Amino acid sequence: MSAIDSAAPFDPYRLGRGGDGDLGQAGGPAPKRVIVAYGFWIFLLSDIVMFSAFFASYAVLAGATAHGPTGRQIFDLGEVAAETACLLLSSFSCGMAAVATGARNKTAFYLAMIVTFVLGAIFITLEVREFIGLIEAGDGPSRSAFLSAFFALVGCHGAHVSAGLLWLLTMIAQVYAKGFRAEMLRRILCFNLFWHALDIIWVAVFTVVYLLAGRP
């Protein structure tokens, strides 16, 4: 054994070896797929922390109505249930887009993403209509601390969904132009994680904000 080999650190998991299945060359940076995945999970976790702060604020201020309307008086659970159904169905179609990506089927991918976009757009339309109706009735975010917390939490989620719709259109255009390249597969995976995370957050919003407010 040479002096160089004897001086090399013990590497039982062969992490320092290059190759397609390893993390990279010895002493070099990690592959881009690892960096992208790690960075995007950090982004999702930071988003969850932010929403946790909004949920905590809403929980504290839910009873601070300033002698104004309560959630039970102003929320239309039927319309909110329709919003929820649209978003949950969009999560299914988004998953089908991921399946189509794995099969490298562009037609199925486009169809699934278009369905996801339509359902997401319906969700945003219903949410905006709810906000406009509340504001026109004098129940805007300045009416009480409860309504401020409500508009902040639900509006932040709606802003994320709107950004997701723009991202979705970008994915469709990029797949059309570039096909299913390696970088596109990473972006589609990140979009799927983002969209499913928004669905999970909305289930929490629907439960905490709307269902609990509607209890007798």
N, C-alpha and C. Protein backbone atom coordinates (compact mmCIF):
# COMPACT_ATOMS: atom_id res chain seq x y z
N MET A 1 0.85 -1.20 0.00
CA MET A 1 0.00 0.00 0.00
C MET A 1 0.88 1.24 0.00
N SER A 2 0.59 2.21 -0.85
CA SER A 2 1.39 3.42 -0.96
C SER A 2 1.14 4.32 0.23
N ALA A 3 2.03 5.32 0.36
CA ALA A 3 1.89 6.28 1.46
C ALA A 3 0.61 7.10 1.30
N ILE A 4 0.23 7.40 0.05
CA ILE A 4 -0.98 8.18 -0.18
C ILE A 4 -2.21 7.39 0.24
N ASP A 5 -2.23 6.07 -0.11
CA ASP A 5 -3.37 5.24 0.25
C ASP A 5 -3.49 5.08 1.75
N SER A 6 -2.34 4.92 2.42
CA SER A 6 -2.40 4.74 3.87
C SER A 6 -2.83 6.01 4.58
N ALA A 7 -2.59 7.16 3.96
CA ALA A 7 -2.97 8.43 4.59
C ALA A 7 -4.42 8.79 4.33
N ALA A 8 -5.08 8.10 3.39
CA ALA A 8 -6.47 8.43 3.06
C ALA A 8 -7.38 8.04 4.22
N PRO A 9 -8.41 8.85 4.53
CA PRO A 9 -9.32 8.53 5.62
C PRO A 9 -10.17 7.31 5.29
N PHE A 10 -10.54 6.57 6.35
CA PHE A 10 -11.37 5.38 6.17
C PHE A 10 -12.76 5.80 5.73
N ASP A 11 -13.26 5.19 4.66
CA ASP A 11 -14.55 5.57 4.07
C ASP A 11 -15.38 4.31 3.84
N PRO A 12 -16.01 3.76 4.91
CA PRO A 12 -16.69 2.47 4.77
C PRO A 12 -17.90 2.51 3.84
N TYR A 13 -18.53 3.67 3.69
CA TYR A 13 -19.73 3.77 2.85
C TYR A 13 -19.42 4.27 1.44
N ARG A 14 -18.12 4.42 1.13
CA ARG A 14 -17.68 4.81 -0.22
C ARG A 14 -18.33 6.11 -0.67
N LEU A 15 -18.49 7.06 0.28
CA LEU A 15 -19.11 8.34 -0.05
C LEU A 15 -18.18 9.22 -0.88
N GLY A 16 -16.90 8.96 -0.81
CA GLY A 16 -15.97 9.80 -1.53
C GLY A 16 -15.70 9.36 -2.95
N ARG A 17 -16.31 8.28 -3.38
CA ARG A 17 -16.06 7.78 -4.73
C ARG A 17 -17.03 8.40 -5.70
N GLY A 18 -16.55 8.67 -6.91
CA GLY A 18 -17.41 9.24 -7.93
C GLY A 18 -18.29 8.16 -8.55
N GLY A 19 -19.10 8.56 -9.48
CA GLY A 19 -19.97 7.60 -10.15
C GLY A 19 -21.40 8.08 -10.15
N ASP A 20 -22.24 7.42 -10.92
CA ASP A 20 -23.63 7.84 -11.07
C ASP A 20 -24.42 7.67 -9.79
N GLY A 21 -24.11 6.63 -8.99
CA GLY A 21 -24.92 6.37 -7.82
C GLY A 21 -24.39 6.97 -6.56
N ASP A 22 -23.24 7.68 -6.61
CA ASP A 22 -22.64 8.22 -5.40
C ASP A 22 -22.86 9.71 -5.30
N LEU A 23 -22.40 10.28 -4.20
CA LEU A 23 -22.64 11.69 -3.95
C LEU A 23 -21.71 12.62 -4.71
N GLY A 24 -20.68 12.11 -5.29
CA GLY A 24 -19.79 12.98 -6.05
C GLY A 24 -18.35 12.56 -5.88
N GLN A 25 -17.42 13.28 -6.47
CA GLN A 25 -16.02 12.96 -6.38
C GLN A 25 -15.48 13.39 -5.02
N ALA A 26 -14.39 12.77 -4.63
CA ALA A 26 -13.81 13.06 -3.32
C ALA A 26 -13.45 14.53 -3.22
N GLY A 27 -13.94 15.16 -2.15
CA GLY A 27 -13.64 16.57 -1.93
C GLY A 27 -14.45 17.52 -2.76
N GLY A 28 -15.28 17.03 -3.68
CA GLY A 28 -16.04 17.90 -4.56
C GLY A 28 -17.43 18.15 -4.03
N PRO A 29 -18.17 19.04 -4.69
CA PRO A 29 -19.52 19.35 -4.25
C PRO A 29 -20.49 18.21 -4.54
N ALA A 30 -21.61 18.20 -3.82
CA ALA A 30 -22.64 17.19 -4.06
C ALA A 30 -23.29 17.45 -5.41
N PRO A 31 -23.86 16.40 -6.02
CA PRO A 31 -24.54 16.59 -7.30
C PRO A 31 -25.70 17.57 -7.17
N LYS A 32 -26.09 18.14 -8.29
CA LYS A 32 -27.14 19.15 -8.30
C LYS A 32 -28.46 18.60 -7.79
N ARG A 33 -28.77 17.32 -8.10
CA ARG A 33 -30.04 16.75 -7.66
C ARG A 33 -30.13 16.71 -6.14
N VAL A 34 -28.99 16.48 -5.47
CA VAL A 34 -28.98 16.45 -4.01
C VAL A 34 -29.15 17.85 -3.45
N ILE A 35 -28.46 18.82 -4.06
CA ILE A 35 -28.55 20.20 -3.59
C ILE A 35 -29.95 20.75 -3.77
N VAL A 36 -30.56 20.49 -4.94
CA VAL A 36 -31.91 20.98 -5.22
C VAL A 36 -32.91 20.37 -4.24
N ALA A 37 -32.82 19.05 -4.05
CA ALA A 37 -33.77 18.38 -3.15
C ALA A 37 -33.63 18.90 -1.72
N TYR A 38 -32.39 19.03 -1.27
CA TYR A 38 -32.16 19.52 0.09
C TYR A 38 -32.67 20.95 0.25
N GLY A 39 -32.34 21.82 -0.72
CA GLY A 39 -32.76 23.21 -0.64
C GLY A 39 -34.27 23.36 -0.68
N PHE A 40 -34.93 22.53 -1.49
CA PHE A 40 -36.39 22.66 -1.59
C PHE A 40 -37.07 22.18 -0.32
N TRP A 41 -36.55 21.13 0.30
CA TRP A 41 -37.11 20.69 1.58
C TRP A 41 -36.93 21.76 2.65
N ILE A 42 -35.81 22.47 2.62
CA ILE A 42 -35.61 23.59 3.56
C ILE A 42 -36.67 24.66 3.31
N PHE A 43 -36.94 24.95 2.03
CA PHE A 43 -37.97 25.94 1.70
C PHE A 43 -39.33 25.51 2.22
N LEU A 44 -39.70 24.24 2.00
CA LEU A 44 -41.00 23.76 2.47
C LEU A 44 -41.10 23.83 4.00
N LEU A 45 -40.04 23.47 4.68
CA LEU A 45 -40.06 23.53 6.14
C LEU A 45 -40.19 24.96 6.63
N SER A 46 -39.52 25.90 5.96
CA SER A 46 -39.65 27.31 6.36
C SER A 46 -41.07 27.81 6.11
N ASP A 47 -41.70 27.33 5.03
CA ASP A 47 -43.08 27.70 4.75
C ASP A 47 -44.02 27.15 5.83
N ILE A 48 -43.77 25.93 6.26
CA ILE A 48 -44.59 25.33 7.31
C ILE A 48 -44.44 26.10 8.62
N VAL A 49 -43.22 26.54 8.91
CA VAL A 49 -43.00 27.35 10.11
C VAL A 49 -43.79 28.66 10.03
N MET A 50 -43.77 29.28 8.84
CA MET A 50 -44.52 30.52 8.66
C MET A 50 -46.02 30.30 8.86
N PHE A 51 -46.56 29.26 8.26
CA PHE A 51 -47.98 28.97 8.43
C PHE A 51 -48.31 28.61 9.87
N SER A 52 -47.38 27.97 10.56
CA SER A 52 -47.60 27.66 11.97
C SER A 52 -47.78 28.95 12.78
N ALA A 53 -47.01 29.98 12.44
CA ALA A 53 -47.16 31.26 13.11
C ALA A 53 -48.53 31.88 12.82
N PHE A 54 -48.99 31.77 11.57
CA PHE A 54 -50.32 32.28 11.22
C PHE A 54 -51.42 31.52 11.97
N PHE A 55 -51.27 30.20 12.06
CA PHE A 55 -52.25 29.40 12.79
C PHE A 55 -52.27 29.79 14.28
N ALA A 56 -51.10 29.99 14.84
CA ALA A 56 -51.02 30.38 16.25
C ALA A 56 -51.69 31.74 16.47
N SER A 57 -51.43 32.67 15.57
CA SER A 57 -52.05 34.00 15.69
C SER A 57 -53.57 33.89 15.58
N TYR A 58 -54.04 33.08 14.64
CA TYR A 58 -55.49 32.92 14.48
C TYR A 58 -56.10 32.30 15.73
N ALA A 59 -55.44 31.29 16.29
CA ALA A 59 -55.98 30.63 17.49
C ALA A 59 -56.11 31.61 18.65
N VAL A 60 -55.15 32.53 18.76
CA VAL A 60 -55.19 33.52 19.85
C VAL A 60 -56.28 34.56 19.60
N LEU A 61 -56.47 34.95 18.34
CA LEU A 61 -57.37 36.07 18.02
C LEU A 61 -58.75 35.63 17.55
N ALA A 62 -59.02 34.34 17.51
CA ALA A 62 -60.30 33.86 16.98
C ALA A 62 -61.50 34.42 17.74
N GLY A 63 -61.33 34.68 19.02
CA GLY A 63 -62.44 35.21 19.81
C GLY A 63 -62.48 36.71 19.91
N ALA A 64 -61.49 37.39 19.31
CA ALA A 64 -61.41 38.86 19.40
C ALA A 64 -62.22 39.48 18.26
N THR A 65 -63.54 39.43 18.38
CA THR A 65 -64.41 39.90 17.30
C THR A 65 -64.78 41.37 17.42
N ALA A 66 -64.42 42.01 18.53
CA ALA A 66 -64.75 43.43 18.74
C ALA A 66 -66.25 43.69 18.56
N HIS A 67 -67.04 42.78 19.12
CA HIS A 67 -68.51 42.86 19.01
C HIS A 67 -69.01 42.78 17.57
N GLY A 68 -68.17 42.24 16.71
CA GLY A 68 -68.56 42.05 15.32
C GLY A 68 -68.98 40.62 15.07
N PRO A 69 -69.11 40.22 13.81
CA PRO A 69 -69.56 38.86 13.48
C PRO A 69 -68.51 37.81 13.83
N THR A 70 -68.99 36.63 14.17
CA THR A 70 -68.11 35.49 14.40
C THR A 70 -68.00 34.68 13.12
N GLY A 71 -67.10 33.73 13.12
CA GLY A 71 -66.94 32.89 11.94
C GLY A 71 -68.19 32.11 11.62
N ARG A 72 -68.90 31.66 12.63
CA ARG A 72 -70.12 30.90 12.41
C ARG A 72 -71.18 31.72 11.67
N GLN A 73 -71.14 33.03 11.87
CA GLN A 73 -72.14 33.89 11.26
C GLN A 73 -71.80 34.26 9.81
N ILE A 74 -70.56 34.26 9.45
CA ILE A 74 -70.18 34.77 8.12
C ILE A 74 -69.67 33.70 7.17
N PHE A 75 -69.28 32.53 7.67
CA PHE A 75 -68.72 31.51 6.78
C PHE A 75 -69.82 30.69 6.12
N ASP A 76 -69.66 30.43 4.83
CA ASP A 76 -70.56 29.57 4.07
C ASP A 76 -69.85 28.22 3.89
N LEU A 77 -70.18 27.26 4.75
CA LEU A 77 -69.47 25.99 4.73
C LEU A 77 -69.68 25.23 3.43
N GLY A 78 -70.83 25.43 2.79
CA GLY A 78 -71.07 24.76 1.52
C GLY A 78 -70.09 25.20 0.45
N GLU A 79 -69.87 26.51 0.37
CA GLU A 79 -68.94 27.02 -0.64
C GLU A 79 -67.51 26.64 -0.30
N VAL A 80 -67.18 26.66 0.99
CA VAL A 80 -65.83 26.28 1.39
C VAL A 80 -65.60 24.79 1.13
N ALA A 81 -66.63 23.97 1.30
CA ALA A 81 -66.51 22.54 0.98
C ALA A 81 -66.23 22.35 -0.51
N ALA A 82 -66.85 23.18 -1.35
CA ALA A 82 -66.59 23.11 -2.79
C ALA A 82 -65.13 23.49 -3.09
N GLU A 83 -64.62 24.52 -2.40
CA GLU A 83 -63.21 24.88 -2.55
C GLU A 83 -62.31 23.71 -2.18
N THR A 84 -62.63 23.09 -1.05
CA THR A 84 -61.82 21.98 -0.56
C THR A 84 -61.83 20.82 -1.56
N ALA A 85 -63.00 20.51 -2.09
CA ALA A 85 -63.10 19.42 -3.07
C ALA A 85 -62.24 19.71 -4.30
N CYS A 86 -62.27 20.95 -4.77
CA CYS A 86 -61.47 21.31 -5.95
C CYS A 86 -59.98 21.14 -5.67
N LEU A 87 -59.54 21.57 -4.50
CA LEU A 87 -58.11 21.49 -4.20
C LEU A 87 -57.67 20.05 -4.00
N LEU A 88 -58.49 19.24 -3.34
CA LEU A 88 -58.12 17.85 -3.14
C LEU A 88 -58.10 17.09 -4.47
N LEU A 89 -59.05 17.38 -5.34
CA LEU A 89 -59.05 16.75 -6.67
C LEU A 89 -57.83 17.19 -7.48
N SER A 90 -57.43 18.45 -7.30
CA SER A 90 -56.24 18.93 -8.01
C SER A 90 -54.99 18.21 -7.52
N SER A 91 -54.98 17.81 -6.25
CA SER A 91 -53.85 17.05 -5.73
C SER A 91 -53.77 15.68 -6.42
N PHE A 92 -54.93 15.08 -6.65
CA PHE A 92 -54.95 13.79 -7.36
C PHE A 92 -54.45 13.95 -8.80
N SER A 93 -54.94 14.96 -9.50
CA SER A 93 -54.50 15.16 -10.88
C SER A 93 -53.02 15.53 -10.95
N CYS A 94 -52.54 16.23 -9.94
CA CYS A 94 -51.10 16.55 -9.88
C CYS A 94 -50.29 15.27 -9.71
N GLY A 95 -50.80 14.35 -8.88
CA GLY A 95 -50.13 13.06 -8.74
C GLY A 95 -50.14 12.27 -10.04
N MET A 96 -51.23 12.37 -10.80
CA MET A 96 -51.28 11.69 -12.10
C MET A 96 -50.27 12.29 -13.07
N ALA A 97 -50.03 13.61 -12.94
CA ALA A 97 -48.99 14.24 -13.77
C ALA A 97 -47.62 13.66 -13.44
N ALA A 98 -47.39 13.38 -12.16
CA ALA A 98 -46.12 12.77 -11.77
C ALA A 98 -45.99 11.36 -12.34
N VAL A 99 -47.11 10.62 -12.34
CA VAL A 99 -47.09 9.27 -12.94
C VAL A 99 -46.79 9.37 -14.43
N ALA A 100 -47.43 10.33 -15.11
CA ALA A 100 -47.18 10.52 -16.53
C ALA A 100 -45.73 10.91 -16.79
N THR A 101 -45.15 11.68 -15.89
CA THR A 101 -43.74 12.05 -16.02
C THR A 101 -42.85 10.81 -15.94
N GLY A 102 -43.16 9.92 -14.99
CA GLY A 102 -42.38 8.70 -14.87
C GLY A 102 -42.48 7.83 -16.12
N ALA A 103 -43.64 7.87 -16.78
CA ALA A 103 -43.82 7.10 -18.00
C ALA A 103 -43.35 7.85 -19.24
N ARG A 104 -42.91 9.09 -19.07
CA ARG A 104 -42.46 9.95 -20.17
C ARG A 104 -43.58 10.13 -21.21
N ASN A 105 -44.80 10.29 -20.71
CA ASN A 105 -45.97 10.45 -21.57
C ASN A 105 -46.37 11.92 -21.55
N LYS A 106 -46.01 12.65 -22.60
CA LYS A 106 -46.27 14.08 -22.63
C LYS A 106 -47.77 14.39 -22.68
N THR A 107 -48.52 13.64 -23.45
CA THR A 107 -49.95 13.91 -23.59
C THR A 107 -50.66 13.78 -22.25
N ALA A 108 -50.39 12.70 -21.53
CA ALA A 108 -51.00 12.51 -20.22
C ALA A 108 -50.52 13.58 -19.23
N PHE A 109 -49.26 13.97 -19.35
CA PHE A 109 -48.72 15.01 -18.47
C PHE A 109 -49.45 16.33 -18.70
N TYR A 110 -49.59 16.73 -19.97
CA TYR A 110 -50.29 17.99 -20.27
C TYR A 110 -51.74 17.95 -19.77
N LEU A 111 -52.42 16.84 -20.00
CA LEU A 111 -53.81 16.73 -19.59
C LEU A 111 -53.95 16.83 -18.08
N ALA A 112 -53.10 16.11 -17.36
CA ALA A 112 -53.18 16.13 -15.90
C ALA A 112 -52.85 17.51 -15.35
N MET A 113 -51.88 18.18 -15.94
CA MET A 113 -51.50 19.51 -15.45
C MET A 113 -52.59 20.54 -15.77
N ILE A 114 -53.23 20.41 -16.91
CA ILE A 114 -54.31 21.34 -17.26
C ILE A 114 -55.48 21.16 -16.30
N VAL A 115 -55.82 19.90 -15.98
CA VAL A 115 -56.89 19.65 -15.01
C VAL A 115 -56.50 20.24 -13.65
N THR A 116 -55.25 20.08 -13.25
CA THR A 116 -54.78 20.66 -11.99
C THR A 116 -54.92 22.18 -12.00
N PHE A 117 -54.57 22.80 -13.12
CA PHE A 117 -54.68 24.25 -13.22
C PHE A 117 -56.13 24.71 -13.13
N VAL A 118 -57.02 24.03 -13.84
CA VAL A 118 -58.44 24.42 -13.84
C VAL A 118 -59.02 24.31 -12.42
N LEU A 119 -58.74 23.22 -11.75
CA LEU A 119 -59.25 23.04 -10.39
C LEU A 119 -58.67 24.07 -9.43
N GLY A 120 -57.38 24.34 -9.58
CA GLY A 120 -56.77 25.37 -8.74
C GLY A 120 -57.32 26.75 -9.01
N ALA A 121 -57.60 27.04 -10.28
CA ALA A 121 -58.17 28.34 -10.63
C ALA A 121 -59.58 28.49 -10.07
N ILE A 122 -60.36 27.40 -10.08
CA ILE A 122 -61.70 27.44 -9.49
C ILE A 122 -61.59 27.71 -7.99
N PHE A 123 -60.64 27.06 -7.35
CA PHE A 123 -60.43 27.28 -5.92
C PHE A 123 -60.15 28.75 -5.63
N ILE A 124 -59.24 29.36 -6.40
CA ILE A 124 -58.88 30.76 -6.19
C ILE A 124 -60.08 31.66 -6.47
N THR A 125 -60.84 31.35 -7.51
CA THR A 125 -62.02 32.16 -7.84
C THR A 125 -63.03 32.16 -6.70
N LEU A 126 -63.29 30.98 -6.13
CA LEU A 126 -64.23 30.90 -5.01
C LEU A 126 -63.71 31.64 -3.79
N GLU A 127 -62.42 31.54 -3.56
CA GLU A 127 -61.84 32.23 -2.40
C GLU A 127 -61.90 33.74 -2.56
N VAL A 128 -61.58 34.23 -3.74
CA VAL A 128 -61.64 35.67 -3.99
C VAL A 128 -63.08 36.16 -3.86
N ARG A 129 -64.03 35.38 -4.36
CA ARG A 129 -65.44 35.76 -4.23
C ARG A 129 -65.86 35.83 -2.77
N GLU A 130 -65.36 34.90 -1.96
CA GLU A 130 -65.65 34.94 -0.52
C GLU A 130 -65.09 36.22 0.10
N PHE A 131 -63.85 36.55 -0.22
CA PHE A 131 -63.23 37.76 0.34
C PHE A 131 -64.00 39.02 -0.08
N ILE A 132 -64.35 39.08 -1.36
CA ILE A 132 -65.07 40.27 -1.84
C ILE A 132 -66.42 40.40 -1.14
N GLY A 133 -67.12 39.27 -0.97
CA GLY A 133 -68.40 39.31 -0.28
C GLY A 133 -68.28 39.78 1.15
N LEU A 134 -67.25 39.33 1.86
CA LEU A 134 -67.04 39.77 3.24
C LEU A 134 -66.72 41.26 3.31
N ILE A 135 -65.87 41.73 2.42
CA ILE A 135 -65.49 43.15 2.43
C ILE A 135 -66.69 44.02 2.09
N GLU A 136 -67.48 43.62 1.10
CA GLU A 136 -68.66 44.41 0.73
C GLU A 136 -69.69 44.45 1.86
N ALA A 137 -69.71 43.42 2.69
CA ALA A 137 -70.64 43.39 3.82
C ALA A 137 -70.09 44.14 5.04
N GLY A 138 -68.92 44.74 4.91
CA GLY A 138 -68.33 45.47 6.01
C GLY A 138 -67.52 44.61 6.96
N ASP A 139 -67.21 43.38 6.53
CA ASP A 139 -66.46 42.46 7.38
C ASP A 139 -65.06 42.24 6.83
N GLY A 140 -64.39 43.33 6.51
CA GLY A 140 -63.03 43.26 6.00
C GLY A 140 -62.02 43.03 7.11
N PRO A 141 -60.74 42.95 6.75
CA PRO A 141 -59.70 42.65 7.75
C PRO A 141 -59.56 43.71 8.83
N SER A 142 -60.02 44.93 8.59
CA SER A 142 -59.91 45.99 9.61
C SER A 142 -61.08 45.98 10.59
N ARG A 143 -62.07 45.10 10.38
CA ARG A 143 -63.26 45.08 11.25
C ARG A 143 -62.94 44.59 12.65
N SER A 144 -62.09 43.58 12.77
CA SER A 144 -61.73 43.03 14.07
C SER A 144 -60.42 42.27 13.96
N ALA A 145 -59.83 41.96 15.12
CA ALA A 145 -58.60 41.17 15.12
C ALA A 145 -58.86 39.77 14.56
N PHE A 146 -60.03 39.22 14.84
CA PHE A 146 -60.40 37.90 14.31
C PHE A 146 -60.36 37.92 12.78
N LEU A 147 -60.97 38.93 12.18
CA LEU A 147 -61.01 38.98 10.72
C LEU A 147 -59.63 39.30 10.14
N SER A 148 -58.83 40.07 10.85
CA SER A 148 -57.45 40.31 10.39
C SER A 148 -56.67 39.01 10.33
N ALA A 149 -56.80 38.19 11.39
CA ALA A 149 -56.09 36.91 11.42
C ALA A 149 -56.63 35.97 10.34
N PHE A 150 -57.95 36.01 10.12
CA PHE A 150 -58.56 35.16 9.10
C PHE A 150 -58.05 35.52 7.71
N PHE A 151 -58.10 36.80 7.36
CA PHE A 151 -57.66 37.22 6.04
C PHE A 151 -56.17 36.94 5.85
N ALA A 152 -55.38 37.10 6.90
CA ALA A 152 -53.94 36.87 6.78
C ALA A 152 -53.64 35.40 6.52
N LEU A 153 -54.27 34.50 7.28
CA LEU A 153 -54.01 33.07 7.13
C LEU A 153 -54.53 32.53 5.80
N VAL A 154 -55.81 32.76 5.52
CA VAL A 154 -56.41 32.22 4.31
C VAL A 154 -55.83 32.92 3.07
N GLY A 155 -55.60 34.23 3.18
CA GLY A 155 -55.04 34.97 2.05
C GLY A 155 -53.62 34.53 1.72
N CYS A 156 -52.83 34.21 2.75
CA CYS A 156 -51.46 33.74 2.51
C CYS A 156 -51.49 32.40 1.77
N HIS A 157 -52.40 31.52 2.17
CA HIS A 157 -52.52 30.25 1.46
C HIS A 157 -52.96 30.48 0.02
N GLY A 158 -53.93 31.38 -0.18
CA GLY A 158 -54.37 31.68 -1.54
C GLY A 158 -53.26 32.24 -2.40
N ALA A 159 -52.39 33.06 -1.81
CA ALA A 159 -51.26 33.61 -2.56
C ALA A 159 -50.31 32.49 -2.99
N HIS A 160 -50.12 31.51 -2.12
CA HIS A 160 -49.27 30.38 -2.47
C HIS A 160 -49.88 29.57 -3.61
N VAL A 161 -51.19 29.36 -3.57
CA VAL A 161 -51.84 28.61 -4.65
C VAL A 161 -51.72 29.37 -5.97
N SER A 162 -51.89 30.69 -5.92
CA SER A 162 -51.76 31.50 -7.13
C SER A 162 -50.35 31.39 -7.71
N ALA A 163 -49.34 31.45 -6.83
CA ALA A 163 -47.97 31.28 -7.30
C ALA A 163 -47.76 29.89 -7.88
N GLY A 164 -48.41 28.88 -7.26
CA GLY A 164 -48.30 27.52 -7.78
C GLY A 164 -48.90 27.38 -9.17
N LEU A 165 -50.00 28.11 -9.43
CA LEU A 165 -50.61 28.05 -10.76
C LEU A 165 -49.67 28.64 -11.82
N LEU A 166 -49.00 29.73 -11.48
CA LEU A 166 -48.02 30.30 -12.42
C LEU A 166 -46.87 29.34 -12.65
N TRP A 167 -46.42 28.70 -11.59
CA TRP A 167 -45.34 27.71 -11.70
C TRP A 167 -45.80 26.55 -12.59
N LEU A 168 -47.05 26.13 -12.42
CA LEU A 168 -47.59 25.02 -13.22
C LEU A 168 -47.55 25.35 -14.72
N LEU A 169 -47.98 26.56 -15.08
CA LEU A 169 -47.93 26.95 -16.48
C LEU A 169 -46.50 26.96 -17.00
N THR A 170 -45.57 27.37 -16.15
CA THR A 170 -44.16 27.37 -16.54
C THR A 170 -43.68 25.94 -16.80
N MET A 171 -44.11 24.99 -15.94
CA MET A 171 -43.72 23.59 -16.13
C MET A 171 -44.23 23.05 -17.46
N ILE A 172 -45.47 23.38 -17.80
CA ILE A 172 -46.03 22.92 -19.07
C ILE A 172 -45.21 23.46 -20.24
N ALA A 173 -44.90 24.76 -20.20
CA ALA A 173 -44.13 25.38 -21.28
C ALA A 173 -42.73 24.79 -21.38
N GLN A 174 -42.10 24.51 -20.25
CA GLN A 174 -40.74 24.00 -20.28
C GLN A 174 -40.69 22.55 -20.76
N VAL A 175 -41.67 21.74 -20.35
CA VAL A 175 -41.71 20.37 -20.85
C VAL A 175 -41.96 20.37 -22.36
N TYR A 176 -42.81 21.27 -22.83
CA TYR A 176 -43.07 21.37 -24.27
C TYR A 176 -41.80 21.75 -25.02
N ALA A 177 -40.99 22.65 -24.43
CA ALA A 177 -39.79 23.12 -25.12
C ALA A 177 -38.59 22.19 -24.94
N LYS A 178 -38.46 21.56 -23.77
CA LYS A 178 -37.25 20.81 -23.46
C LYS A 178 -37.47 19.32 -23.31
N GLY A 179 -38.71 18.91 -23.13
CA GLY A 179 -38.96 17.49 -22.89
C GLY A 179 -38.65 17.10 -21.45
N PHE A 180 -38.57 15.81 -21.21
CA PHE A 180 -38.34 15.30 -19.85
C PHE A 180 -36.85 15.15 -19.58
N ARG A 181 -36.15 16.26 -19.57
CA ARG A 181 -34.73 16.23 -19.22
C ARG A 181 -34.57 16.06 -17.72
N ALA A 182 -33.32 15.83 -17.30
CA ALA A 182 -33.07 15.58 -15.88
C ALA A 182 -33.47 16.77 -15.03
N GLU A 183 -33.14 18.00 -15.49
CA GLU A 183 -33.50 19.17 -14.69
C GLU A 183 -35.01 19.38 -14.63
N MET A 184 -35.72 18.98 -15.71
CA MET A 184 -37.17 19.09 -15.70
C MET A 184 -37.80 18.10 -14.73
N LEU A 185 -37.23 16.92 -14.64
CA LEU A 185 -37.74 15.94 -13.68
C LEU A 185 -37.60 16.45 -12.25
N ARG A 186 -36.49 17.13 -11.97
CA ARG A 186 -36.31 17.71 -10.63
C ARG A 186 -37.34 18.79 -10.37
N ARG A 187 -37.58 19.64 -11.35
CA ARG A 187 -38.54 20.73 -11.16
C ARG A 187 -39.96 20.22 -10.99
N ILE A 188 -40.32 19.20 -11.76
CA ILE A 188 -41.66 18.63 -11.63
C ILE A 188 -41.83 17.98 -10.26
N LEU A 189 -40.79 17.31 -9.79
CA LEU A 189 -40.86 16.72 -8.45
C LEU A 189 -41.04 17.79 -7.38
N CYS A 190 -40.29 18.88 -7.50
CA CYS A 190 -40.42 19.98 -6.53
C CYS A 190 -41.81 20.59 -6.58
N PHE A 191 -42.36 20.75 -7.79
CA PHE A 191 -43.71 21.29 -7.90
C PHE A 191 -44.73 20.37 -7.23
N ASN A 192 -44.58 19.07 -7.43
CA ASN A 192 -45.51 18.13 -6.80
C ASN A 192 -45.43 18.23 -5.28
N LEU A 193 -44.25 18.31 -4.73
CA LEU A 193 -44.11 18.46 -3.28
C LEU A 193 -44.78 19.74 -2.80
N PHE A 194 -44.57 20.82 -3.53
CA PHE A 194 -45.16 22.11 -3.17
C PHE A 194 -46.68 22.05 -3.19
N TRP A 195 -47.24 21.48 -4.26
CA TRP A 195 -48.69 21.45 -4.41
C TRP A 195 -49.36 20.56 -3.35
N HIS A 196 -48.75 19.42 -3.07
CA HIS A 196 -49.31 18.53 -2.05
C HIS A 196 -49.19 19.17 -0.66
N ALA A 197 -48.12 19.91 -0.42
CA ALA A 197 -47.98 20.61 0.86
C ALA A 197 -49.09 21.64 1.04
N LEU A 198 -49.43 22.35 -0.05
CA LEU A 198 -50.53 23.32 0.02
C LEU A 198 -51.86 22.63 0.33
N ASP A 199 -52.06 21.44 -0.21
CA ASP A 199 -53.29 20.70 0.09
C ASP A 199 -53.36 20.32 1.56
N ILE A 200 -52.24 19.88 2.11
CA ILE A 200 -52.22 19.50 3.52
C ILE A 200 -52.50 20.71 4.40
N ILE A 201 -51.90 21.85 4.05
CA ILE A 201 -52.13 23.07 4.82
C ILE A 201 -53.59 23.49 4.73
N TRP A 202 -54.19 23.34 3.54
CA TRP A 202 -55.59 23.73 3.40
C TRP A 202 -56.51 22.85 4.23
N VAL A 203 -56.21 21.57 4.33
CA VAL A 203 -57.02 20.69 5.19
C VAL A 203 -56.98 21.20 6.63
N ALA A 204 -55.81 21.66 7.08
CA ALA A 204 -55.71 22.24 8.42
C ALA A 204 -56.51 23.54 8.51
N VAL A 205 -56.44 24.38 7.48
CA VAL A 205 -57.21 25.63 7.47
C VAL A 205 -58.70 25.33 7.51
N PHE A 206 -59.15 24.41 6.67
CA PHE A 206 -60.57 24.05 6.61
C PHE A 206 -61.07 23.55 7.97
N THR A 207 -60.24 22.77 8.64
CA THR A 207 -60.64 22.21 9.93
C THR A 207 -60.64 23.26 11.03
N VAL A 208 -59.52 23.97 11.15
CA VAL A 208 -59.35 24.91 12.27
C VAL A 208 -60.19 26.17 12.09
N VAL A 209 -60.20 26.72 10.88
CA VAL A 209 -60.87 28.01 10.66
C VAL A 209 -62.37 27.83 10.42
N TYR A 210 -62.73 26.93 9.51
CA TYR A 210 -64.12 26.85 9.08
C TYR A 210 -64.96 25.85 9.90
N LEU A 211 -64.47 24.63 10.04
CA LEU A 211 -65.28 23.63 10.73
C LEU A 211 -65.45 23.96 12.21
N LEU A 212 -64.37 24.33 12.88
CA LEU A 212 -64.48 24.65 14.31
C LEU A 212 -65.32 25.90 14.53
N ALA A 213 -65.26 26.85 13.60
CA ALA A 213 -66.08 28.06 13.73
C ALA A 213 -67.56 27.74 13.52
N GLY A 214 -67.85 26.70 12.79
CA GLY A 214 -69.24 26.36 12.50
C GLY A 214 -69.89 25.47 13.54
N ARG A 215 -69.15 25.11 14.59
CA ARG A 215 -69.75 24.27 15.62
C ARG A 215 -70.87 25.00 16.35
N PRO A 216 -71.95 24.31 16.70
CA PRO A 216 -73.05 24.95 17.45
C PRO A 216 -72.61 25.31 18.86
